[in-house]
Protein backbone atom coordinates (compact mmCIF):
# COMPACT_ATOMS: atom_id res chain seq x y z
CA MET A 1 0.13 0.06 -0.09
CA ASP A 2 1.24 3.34 -1.20
CA SER A 3 0.15 6.23 -2.39
CA PHE A 4 0.98 5.70 -5.80
CA ASN A 5 -0.49 1.89 -5.54
CA PRO A 6 -3.31 2.33 -3.06
CA SER A 7 -5.32 -0.87 -4.08
CA GLY A 8 -5.85 -2.93 -1.14
CA TYR A 9 -8.17 -5.34 -2.57
CA GLY A 10 -5.69 -5.84 -5.11
CA MET A 11 -2.75 -6.56 -3.11
CA SER A 12 -4.93 -8.86 -0.77
CA LEU A 13 -5.94 -10.62 -4.27
CA GLU A 14 -1.98 -11.16 -5.13
CA VAL A 15 -1.16 -12.27 -1.41
CA GLY A 16 -3.75 -14.88 -1.57
CA TYR A 17 -2.59 -15.94 -4.88
CA ALA A 18 0.82 -16.53 -3.77
CA LYS A 19 -0.31 -18.15 -0.58
CA GLY A 20 -2.33 -20.50 -2.72
CA LYS A 21 1.23 -21.07 -4.51
CA ASN A 22 2.84 -21.56 -1.43
CA LYS A 23 5.24 -19.12 -2.28
CA PRO A 24 6.91 -16.92 0.63
CA ILE A 25 5.48 -13.36 0.85
CA LEU A 26 7.22 -10.78 2.64
CA TYR A 27 5.02 -7.77 4.03
CA ILE A 28 6.85 -4.73 4.96
CA ASP A 29 4.44 -3.09 7.48
CA ASN A 30 4.77 0.67 7.76
CA MET A 31 1.43 1.56 8.29
CA THR A 32 1.33 1.24 11.78
CA THR A 33 -0.20 4.83 12.23
CA ASP A 34 -2.29 4.81 9.07
CA TYR A 35 -6.10 4.22 9.68
CA ARG A 36 -6.13 1.45 7.03
CA ASN A 37 -3.73 -0.45 9.31
CA LYS A 38 -6.49 -2.45 10.97
CA TYR A 39 -7.80 -4.16 7.36
CA PHE A 40 -4.21 -5.84 7.14
CA GLY A 41 -4.73 -8.81 9.64
CA MET A 42 -5.19 -11.37 7.00
CA VAL A 43 -2.03 -10.06 4.99
CA ARG A 44 0.05 -10.30 8.11
CA SER A 45 -1.06 -13.59 9.20
CA VAL A 46 0.13 -15.38 5.93
CA SER A 47 3.45 -13.51 5.51
CA THR A 48 6.61 -12.72 7.21
CA VAL A 49 6.13 -9.23 8.81
CA VAL A 50 9.19 -6.82 8.66
CA HIS A 51 8.95 -2.81 9.53
CA SER A 52 11.64 -1.74 7.23
CA VAL A 53 13.33 -2.22 3.84
CA LYS A 54 16.66 -3.51 5.56
CA GLU A 55 14.72 -6.04 7.36
CA ALA A 56 13.39 -7.33 4.36
CA ARG A 57 16.37 -7.17 2.30
CA ASP A 58 18.19 -9.00 5.08
CA ILE A 59 15.56 -11.94 5.00
CA ILE A 60 15.97 -12.24 1.04
CA ILE A 61 19.64 -12.16 1.27
CA GLY A 62 19.66 -14.63 4.31
CA GLY A 63 16.78 -16.80 2.33
CA PHE A 64 13.19 -17.38 3.60
CA ASN A 65 14.55 -20.92 4.76
CA SER A 66 16.71 -19.93 7.22
CA GLY A 67 14.28 -20.35 10.33
CA VAL A 68 12.62 -16.74 9.52
């Protein structure tokens, strides 16, 4: 979710499809103070949740299968 790509419905659809295909999902949750935050519980529940691009980078470099 971002100002240039605000479709929560589209993102949720993509996340659901990826989960159905058993693909790793990395969700950078930087919406903690946003009013829309409460609507993303489903996305968080099926994702590896991080709070910064640096955390995401470390997971990608380290690999999803390293216990994360």
